[in-house]
């Protein structure tokens, strides 16, 4: 086997091992919560050594944040670009998630509580989870500004947080589902109207003269 093929095979093996460890981390978070979760427990669940974990993640906070990114999917990995702001925003909210919604809800509820008492975790969670999703939304909205769908005068840094705030509230503090209908209404009745309230008027097509 050629050296390049061996290297590629090893890289695939590393990716699969990473995934197993991150999946084990999610399992421990669901069962024990962040505070009681240990690197020992994750290593045992994943069938790995603690040295392997620490080689890639220097502490528990970094491992947990990596696991949550894995669970939620990378919003910039396949950034939607349909040419329409509405469709892009809806696709972003739908996301590319690798775990069932109930699993995510269980983990995220625990994370909100843990971030309140662990500054290191809160910083890592904001930088690598919250801000990544926020940056993806801003890229979509800036593209819409270039197309003229959103006014340059619109404070998109302020308005970009409106839909995520409502999602967090509904996910964590209500018994109601976040389903396709809710996401569509959130985009059509809240996010999109706010972003396009000051959109420049498009020139209307000339009215043909009567013969």
C-alpha atoms as a PDB file:
ATOM      1  CA  UNK A   1       0.000   0.000   0.000  1.00  0.00           C
ATOM      2  CA  UNK A   2       1.342   3.428  -0.932  1.00  0.00           C
ATOM      3  CA  UNK A   3       2.350   5.828   1.875  1.00  0.00           C
ATOM      4  CA  UNK A   4      -0.330   8.300   0.774  1.00  0.00           C
ATOM      5  CA  UNK A   5      -3.009   5.615   0.995  1.00  0.00           C
ATOM      6  CA  UNK A   6      -1.788   4.559   4.437  1.00  0.00           C
ATOM      7  CA  UNK A   7      -1.897   8.186   5.635  1.00  0.00           C
ATOM      8  CA  UNK A   8      -5.412   8.661   4.259  1.00  0.00           C
ATOM      9  CA  UNK A   9      -6.573   5.465   5.961  1.00  0.00           C
ATOM     10  CA  UNK A  10      -5.079   6.611   9.267  1.00  0.00           C
ATOM     11  CA  UNK A  11      -6.784   9.994   8.947  1.00  0.00           C
ATOM     12  CA  UNK A  12     -10.146   8.287   8.369  1.00  0.00           C
ATOM     13  CA  UNK A  13      -9.504   6.159  11.436  1.00  0.00           C
ATOM     14  CA  UNK A  14      -8.682   9.270  13.483  1.00  0.00           C
ATOM     15  CA  UNK A  15     -11.915  10.952  12.378  1.00  0.00           C
ATOM     16  CA  UNK A  16     -13.952   7.890  13.330  1.00  0.00           C
ATOM     17  CA  UNK A  17     -12.196   7.705  16.732  1.00  0.00           C
ATOM     18  CA  UNK A  18     -12.836  11.390  17.336  1.00  0.00           C
ATOM     19  CA  UNK A  19     -16.498  10.860  16.561  1.00  0.00           C
ATOM     20  CA  UNK A  20     -16.732   7.931  18.997  1.00  0.00           C
ATOM     21  CA  UNK A  21     -15.204  10.015  21.789  1.00  0.00           C
ATOM     22  CA  UNK A  22     -17.506  12.963  21.112  1.00  0.00           C
ATOM     23  CA  UNK A  23     -20.525  10.670  21.029  1.00  0.00           C
ATOM     24  CA  UNK A  24     -19.430   9.205  24.365  1.00  0.00           C
ATOM     25  CA  UNK A  25     -19.136  12.725  25.761  1.00  0.00           C
ATOM     26  CA  UNK A  26     -22.711  13.511  24.738  1.00  0.00           C
ATOM     27  CA  UNK A  27     -23.853  10.298  26.400  1.00  0.00           C
ATOM     28  CA  UNK A  28     -22.117  11.227  29.646  1.00  0.00           C
ATOM     29  CA  UNK A  29     -23.573  14.738  29.529  1.00  0.00           C
ATOM     30  CA  UNK A  30     -27.064  13.330  29.152  1.00  0.00           C
ATOM     31  CA  UNK A  31     -26.645  10.890  32.026  1.00  0.00           C
ATOM     32  CA  UNK A  32     -24.525  12.870  34.479  1.00  0.00           C
ATOM     33  CA  UNK A  33     -24.641  16.540  33.504  1.00  0.00           C
ATOM     34  CA  UNK A  34     -21.603  18.752  33.049  1.00  0.00           C
ATOM     35  CA  UNK A  35     -20.641  19.145  36.707  1.00  0.00           C
ATOM     36  CA  UNK A  36     -20.545  15.409  37.449  1.00  0.00           C
ATOM     37  CA  UNK A  37     -19.105  14.333  34.109  1.00  0.00           C
ATOM     38  CA  UNK A  38     -15.436  13.307  34.245  1.00  0.00           C
ATOM     39  CA  UNK A  39     -12.765  12.681  31.633  1.00  0.00           C
ATOM     40  CA  UNK A  40     -12.336   9.212  33.189  1.00  0.00           C
ATOM     41  CA  UNK A  41     -15.985   8.380  32.535  1.00  0.00           C
ATOM     42  CA  UNK A  42     -15.796   9.575  28.931  1.00  0.00           C
ATOM     43  CA  UNK A  43     -12.605   7.600  28.305  1.00  0.00           C
ATOM     44  CA  UNK A  44     -14.150   4.445  29.736  1.00  0.00           C
ATOM     45  CA  UNK A  45     -17.353   4.883  27.728  1.00  0.00           C
ATOM     46  CA  UNK A  46     -15.414   5.472  24.511  1.00  0.00           C
ATOM     47  CA  UNK A  47     -12.916   2.669  25.151  1.00  0.00           C
ATOM     48  CA  UNK A  48     -10.062   5.150  24.995  1.00  0.00           C
ATOM     49  CA  UNK A  49      -7.302   6.275  27.316  1.00  0.00           C
ATOM     50  CA  UNK A  50      -7.378   9.558  29.203  1.00  0.00           C
ATOM     51  CA  UNK A  51      -4.110  10.407  27.489  1.00  0.00           C
ATOM     52  CA  UNK A  52      -5.890  10.248  24.127  1.00  0.00           C
ATOM     53  CA  UNK A  53      -8.554  12.666  25.338  1.00  0.00           C
ATOM     54  CA  UNK A  54      -6.064  15.134  26.777  1.00  0.00           C
ATOM     55  CA  UNK A  55      -3.954  14.976  23.624  1.00  0.00           C
ATOM     56  CA  UNK A  56      -6.819  16.532  21.672  1.00  0.00           C
ATOM     57  CA  UNK A  57      -8.774  18.433  24.338  1.00  0.00           C
ATOM     58  CA  UNK A  58      -6.781  20.061  27.168  1.00  0.00           C
ATOM     59  CA  UNK A  59      -9.680  20.144  29.620  1.00  0.00           C
ATOM     60  CA  UNK A  60     -13.275  19.083  30.157  1.00  0.00           C
ATOM     61  CA  UNK A  61     -14.709  22.366  28.885  1.00  0.00           C
ATOM     62  CA  UNK A  62     -12.946  22.051  25.520  1.00  0.00           C
ATOM     63  CA  UNK A  63     -14.064  18.429  25.136  1.00  0.00           C
ATOM     64  CA  UNK A  64     -17.683  19.250  25.928  1.00  0.00           C
ATOM     65  CA  UNK A  65     -17.755  22.190  23.542  1.00  0.00           C
ATOM     66  CA  UNK A  66     -16.271  20.029  20.787  1.00  0.00           C
ATOM     67  CA  UNK A  67     -18.942  17.397  21.457  1.00  0.00           C
ATOM     68  CA  UNK A  68     -21.717  19.983  21.236  1.00  0.00           C
ATOM     69  CA  UNK A  69     -20.334  21.307  17.950  1.00  0.00           C
ATOM     70  CA  UNK A  70     -20.320  17.726  16.689  1.00  0.00           C
ATOM     71  CA  UNK A  71     -23.892  17.201  17.885  1.00  0.00           C
ATOM     72  CA  UNK A  72     -25.258  20.403  16.359  1.00  0.00           C
ATOM     73  CA  UNK A  73     -23.292  20.325  13.129  1.00  0.00           C
ATOM     74  CA  UNK A  74     -21.118  23.075  11.684  1.00  0.00           C
ATOM     75  CA  UNK A  75     -23.343  25.913  10.386  1.00  0.00           C
ATOM     76  CA  UNK A  76     -20.598  27.095   8.032  1.00  0.00           C
ATOM     77  CA  UNK A  77     -19.782  23.680   6.597  1.00  0.00           C
ATOM     78  CA  UNK A  78     -22.587  24.031   4.047  1.00  0.00           C
ATOM     79  CA  UNK A  79     -23.681  27.641   4.396  1.00  0.00           C
ATOM     80  CA  UNK A  80     -26.984  27.960   2.502  1.00  0.00           C
ATOM     81  CA  UNK A  81     -26.910  30.221  -0.555  1.00  0.00           C
ATOM     82  CA  UNK A  82     -30.245  29.977  -2.338  1.00  0.00           C
ATOM     83  CA  UNK A  83     -30.252  33.600  -3.486  1.00  0.00           C
ATOM     84  CA  UNK A  84     -33.240  34.329  -1.250  1.00  0.00           C
ATOM     85  CA  UNK A  85     -32.842  35.650   2.292  1.00  0.00           C
ATOM     86  CA  UNK A  86     -35.926  33.854   3.563  1.00  0.00           C
ATOM     87  CA  UNK A  87     -34.817  30.440   2.325  1.00  0.00           C
ATOM     88  CA  UNK A  88     -31.257  30.936   3.582  1.00  0.00           C
ATOM     89  CA  UNK A  89     -32.412  31.895   7.080  1.00  0.00           C
ATOM     90  CA  UNK A  90     -34.797  28.953   7.267  1.00  0.00           C
ATOM     91  CA  UNK A  91     -32.088  26.550   6.099  1.00  0.00           C
ATOM     92  CA  UNK A  92     -29.707  27.931   8.717  1.00  0.00           C
ATOM     93  CA  UNK A  93     -32.232  27.401  11.521  1.00  0.00           C
ATOM     94  CA  UNK A  94     -32.989  23.895  10.322  1.00  0.00           C
ATOM     95  CA  UNK A  95     -29.259  23.125  10.357  1.00  0.00           C
ATOM     96  CA  UNK A  96     -27.334  19.922   9.803  1.00  0.00           C
ATOM     97  CA  UNK A  97     -27.772  18.228  13.147  1.00  0.00           C
ATOM     98  CA  UNK A  98     -26.531  14.728  13.908  1.00  0.00           C
ATOM     99  CA  UNK A  99     -28.599  13.992  17.037  1.00  0.00           C
ATOM    100  CA  UNK A 100     -32.346  13.869  17.745  1.00  0.00           C
ATOM    101  CA  UNK A 101     -33.906  17.093  19.036  1.00  0.00           C
ATOM    102  CA  UNK A 102     -34.708  15.555  22.442  1.00  0.00           C
ATOM    103  CA  UNK A 103     -31.051  14.621  22.970  1.00  0.00           C
ATOM    104  CA  UNK A 104     -29.947  18.131  22.080  1.00  0.00           C
ATOM    105  CA  UNK A 105     -32.526  19.693  24.362  1.00  0.00           C
ATOM    106  CA  UNK A 106     -31.354  17.601  27.306  1.00  0.00           C
ATOM    107  CA  UNK A 107     -27.720  18.606  26.752  1.00  0.00           C
ATOM    108  CA  UNK A 108     -28.401  22.286  26.085  1.00  0.00           C
ATOM    109  CA  UNK A 109     -30.509  22.690  29.215  1.00  0.00           C
ATOM    110  CA  UNK A 110     -27.612  21.393  31.256  1.00  0.00           C
ATOM    111  CA  UNK A 111     -25.159  23.647  29.447  1.00  0.00           C
ATOM    112  CA  UNK A 112     -27.128  26.807  30.180  1.00  0.00           C
ATOM    113  CA  UNK A 113     -26.964  26.006  33.870  1.00  0.00           C
ATOM    114  CA  UNK A 114     -23.285  25.013  33.810  1.00  0.00           C
ATOM    115  CA  UNK A 115     -22.183  28.123  31.920  1.00  0.00           C
ATOM    116  CA  UNK A 116     -23.603  30.258  34.705  1.00  0.00           C
ATOM    117  CA  UNK A 117     -21.102  28.846  37.206  1.00  0.00           C
ATOM    118  CA  UNK A 118     -18.103  27.987  35.019  1.00  0.00           C
ATOM    119  CA  UNK A 119     -16.439  30.957  33.310  1.00  0.00           C
ATOM    120  CA  UNK A 120     -14.041  28.764  31.321  1.00  0.00           C
ATOM    121  CA  UNK A 121     -16.908  26.728  29.917  1.00  0.00           C
ATOM    122  CA  UNK A 122     -19.004  29.835  29.207  1.00  0.00           C
ATOM    123  CA  UNK A 123     -16.175  31.438  27.215  1.00  0.00           C
ATOM    124  CA  UNK A 124     -15.455  28.304  25.180  1.00  0.00           C
ATOM    125  CA  UNK A 125     -19.162  27.711  24.548  1.00  0.00           C
ATOM    126  CA  UNK A 126     -19.707  31.260  23.295  1.00  0.00           C
ATOM    127  CA  UNK A 127     -16.594  31.338  21.115  1.00  0.00           C
ATOM    128  CA  UNK A 128     -17.007  27.946  19.465  1.00  0.00           C
ATOM    129  CA  UNK A 129     -20.759  27.287  19.459  1.00  0.00           C
ATOM    130  CA  UNK A 130     -22.819  30.446  19.868  1.00  0.00           C
ATOM    131  CA  UNK A 131     -20.574  32.796  17.919  1.00  0.00           C
ATOM    132  CA  UNK A 132     -20.058  30.286  15.100  1.00  0.00           C
ATOM    133  CA  UNK A 133     -23.810  30.129  14.473  1.00  0.00           C
ATOM    134  CA  UNK A 134     -24.079  33.899  14.826  1.00  0.00           C
ATOM    135  CA  UNK A 135     -21.279  34.460  12.303  1.00  0.00           C
ATOM    136  CA  UNK A 136     -23.006  32.170   9.810  1.00  0.00           C
ATOM    137  CA  UNK A 137     -26.228  34.177  10.132  1.00  0.00           C
ATOM    138  CA  UNK A 138     -24.351  37.448   9.658  1.00  0.00           C
ATOM    139  CA  UNK A 139     -22.731  36.151   6.456  1.00  0.00           C
ATOM    140  CA  UNK A 140     -26.164  35.288   5.069  1.00  0.00           C
ATOM    141  CA  UNK A 141     -27.581  38.704   5.966  1.00  0.00           C
ATOM    142  CA  UNK A 142     -24.570  40.566   4.560  1.00  0.00           C
ATOM    143  CA  UNK A 143     -25.065  38.730   1.269  1.00  0.00           C
ATOM    144  CA  UNK A 144     -28.657  39.952   1.298  1.00  0.00           C
ATOM    145  CA  UNK A 145     -27.385  43.502   1.831  1.00  0.00           C
ATOM    146  CA  UNK A 146     -25.193  43.181  -1.259  1.00  0.00           C
ATOM    147  CA  UNK A 147     -28.240  42.058  -3.239  1.00  0.00           C
ATOM    148  CA  UNK A 148     -30.242  45.021  -1.941  1.00  0.00           C
ATOM    149  CA  UNK A 149     -32.672  42.885   0.073  1.00  0.00           C
ATOM    150  CA  UNK A 150     -31.544  44.417   3.376  1.00  0.00           C
ATOM    151  CA  UNK A 151     -30.694  48.083   3.811  1.00  0.00           C
ATOM    152  CA  UNK A 152     -27.118  49.020   4.629  1.00  0.00           C
ATOM    153  CA  UNK A 153     -28.608  51.183   7.385  1.00  0.00           C
ATOM    154  CA  UNK A 154     -30.129  48.162   9.158  1.00  0.00           C
ATOM    155  CA  UNK A 155     -28.352  47.263  12.398  1.00  0.00           C
ATOM    156  CA  UNK A 156     -27.831  43.601  11.569  1.00  0.00           C
ATOM    157  CA  UNK A 157     -25.500  43.075  14.546  1.00  0.00           C
ATOM    158  CA  UNK A 158     -28.471  43.875  16.776  1.00  0.00           C
ATOM    159  CA  UNK A 159     -31.202  42.063  14.846  1.00  0.00           C
ATOM    160  CA  UNK A 160     -29.230  38.873  14.146  1.00  0.00           C
ATOM    161  CA  UNK A 161     -29.934  37.695  17.699  1.00  0.00           C
ATOM    162  CA  UNK A 162     -33.731  37.976  17.589  1.00  0.00           C
ATOM    163  CA  UNK A 163     -34.542  34.531  16.162  1.00  0.00           C
ATOM    164  CA  UNK A 164     -31.924  32.634  18.222  1.00  0.00           C
ATOM    165  CA  UNK A 165     -33.241  34.317  21.392  1.00  0.00           C
ATOM    166  CA  UNK A 166     -36.771  33.140  20.651  1.00  0.00           C
ATOM    167  CA  UNK A 167     -35.521  29.640  19.833  1.00  0.00           C
ATOM    168  CA  UNK A 168     -33.623  29.378  23.112  1.00  0.00           C
ATOM    169  CA  UNK A 169     -36.667  30.567  25.054  1.00  0.00           C
ATOM    170  CA  UNK A 170     -38.986  28.086  23.346  1.00  0.00           C
ATOM    171  CA  UNK A 171     -36.495  25.207  23.603  1.00  0.00           C
ATOM    172  CA  UNK A 172     -35.519  25.675  27.220  1.00  0.00           C
ATOM    173  CA  UNK A 173     -38.392  27.394  28.968  1.00  0.00           C
ATOM    174  CA  UNK A 174     -41.590  26.135  27.338  1.00  0.00           C
ATOM    175  CA  UNK A 175     -43.102  22.680  26.734  1.00  0.00           C
ATOM    176  CA  UNK A 176     -43.840  23.500  23.098  1.00  0.00           C
ATOM    177  CA  UNK A 177     -42.018  21.922  20.144  1.00  0.00           C
ATOM    178  CA  UNK A 178     -39.715  23.647  17.710  1.00  0.00           C
ATOM    179  CA  UNK A 179     -41.162  22.163  14.561  1.00  0.00           C
ATOM    180  CA  UNK A 180     -41.208  23.142  10.899  1.00  0.00           C
ATOM    181  CA  UNK A 181     -44.275  25.345  11.358  1.00  0.00           C
ATOM    182  CA  UNK A 182     -42.683  27.260  14.240  1.00  0.00           C
ATOM    183  CA  UNK A 183     -39.436  27.835  12.325  1.00  0.00           C
ATOM    184  CA  UNK A 184     -41.334  29.070   9.267  1.00  0.00           C
ATOM    185  CA  UNK A 185     -43.376  31.510  11.350  1.00  0.00           C
ATOM    186  CA  UNK A 186     -40.270  32.672  13.182  1.00  0.00           C
ATOM    187  CA  UNK A 187     -38.598  33.567   9.894  1.00  0.00           C
ATOM    188  CA  UNK A 188     -41.674  34.906   8.069  1.00  0.00           C
ATOM    189  CA  UNK A 189     -43.293  36.865  10.901  1.00  0.00           C
ATOM    190  CA  UNK A 190     -40.357  37.989  13.023  1.00  0.00           C
ATOM    191  CA  UNK A 191     -36.837  37.751  11.635  1.00  0.00           C
ATOM    192  CA  UNK A 192     -37.437  38.618   7.993  1.00  0.00           C
ATOM    193  CA  UNK A 193     -39.780  41.596   8.656  1.00  0.00           C
ATOM    194  CA  UNK A 194     -37.301  43.082  11.127  1.00  0.00           C
ATOM    195  CA  UNK A 195     -34.361  42.716   8.771  1.00  0.00           C
ATOM    196  CA  UNK A 196     -36.173  44.093   5.729  1.00  0.00           C
ATOM    197  CA  UNK A 197     -38.188  46.875   7.387  1.00  0.00           C
ATOM    198  CA  UNK A 198     -35.797  49.481   5.975  1.00  0.00           C
ATOM    199  CA  UNK A 199     -34.968  47.699   2.750  1.00  0.00           C
ATOM    200  CA  UNK A 200     -34.493  50.076  -0.187  1.00  0.00           C
ATOM    201  CA  UNK A 201     -37.457  50.222  -2.515  1.00  0.00           C
ATOM    202  CA  UNK A 202     -36.861  48.386  -5.753  1.00  0.00           C
ATOM    203  CA  UNK A 203     -37.687  50.300  -8.930  1.00  0.00           C
ATOM    204  CA  UNK A 204     -41.001  49.169 -10.297  1.00  0.00           C
ATOM    205  CA  UNK A 205     -41.250  47.867 -13.822  1.00  0.00           C
ATOM    206  CA  UNK A 206     -42.377  50.511 -16.307  1.00  0.00           C
ATOM    207  CA  UNK A 207     -46.044  50.399 -17.177  1.00  0.00           C
ATOM    208  CA  UNK A 208     -46.455  49.885 -20.913  1.00  0.00           C
ATOM    209  CA  UNK A 209     -48.211  52.767 -22.649  1.00  0.00           C
ATOM    210  CA  UNK A 210     -51.614  52.075 -24.149  1.00  0.00           C
ATOM    211  CA  UNK A 211     -51.599  52.176 -27.945  1.00  0.00           C
END
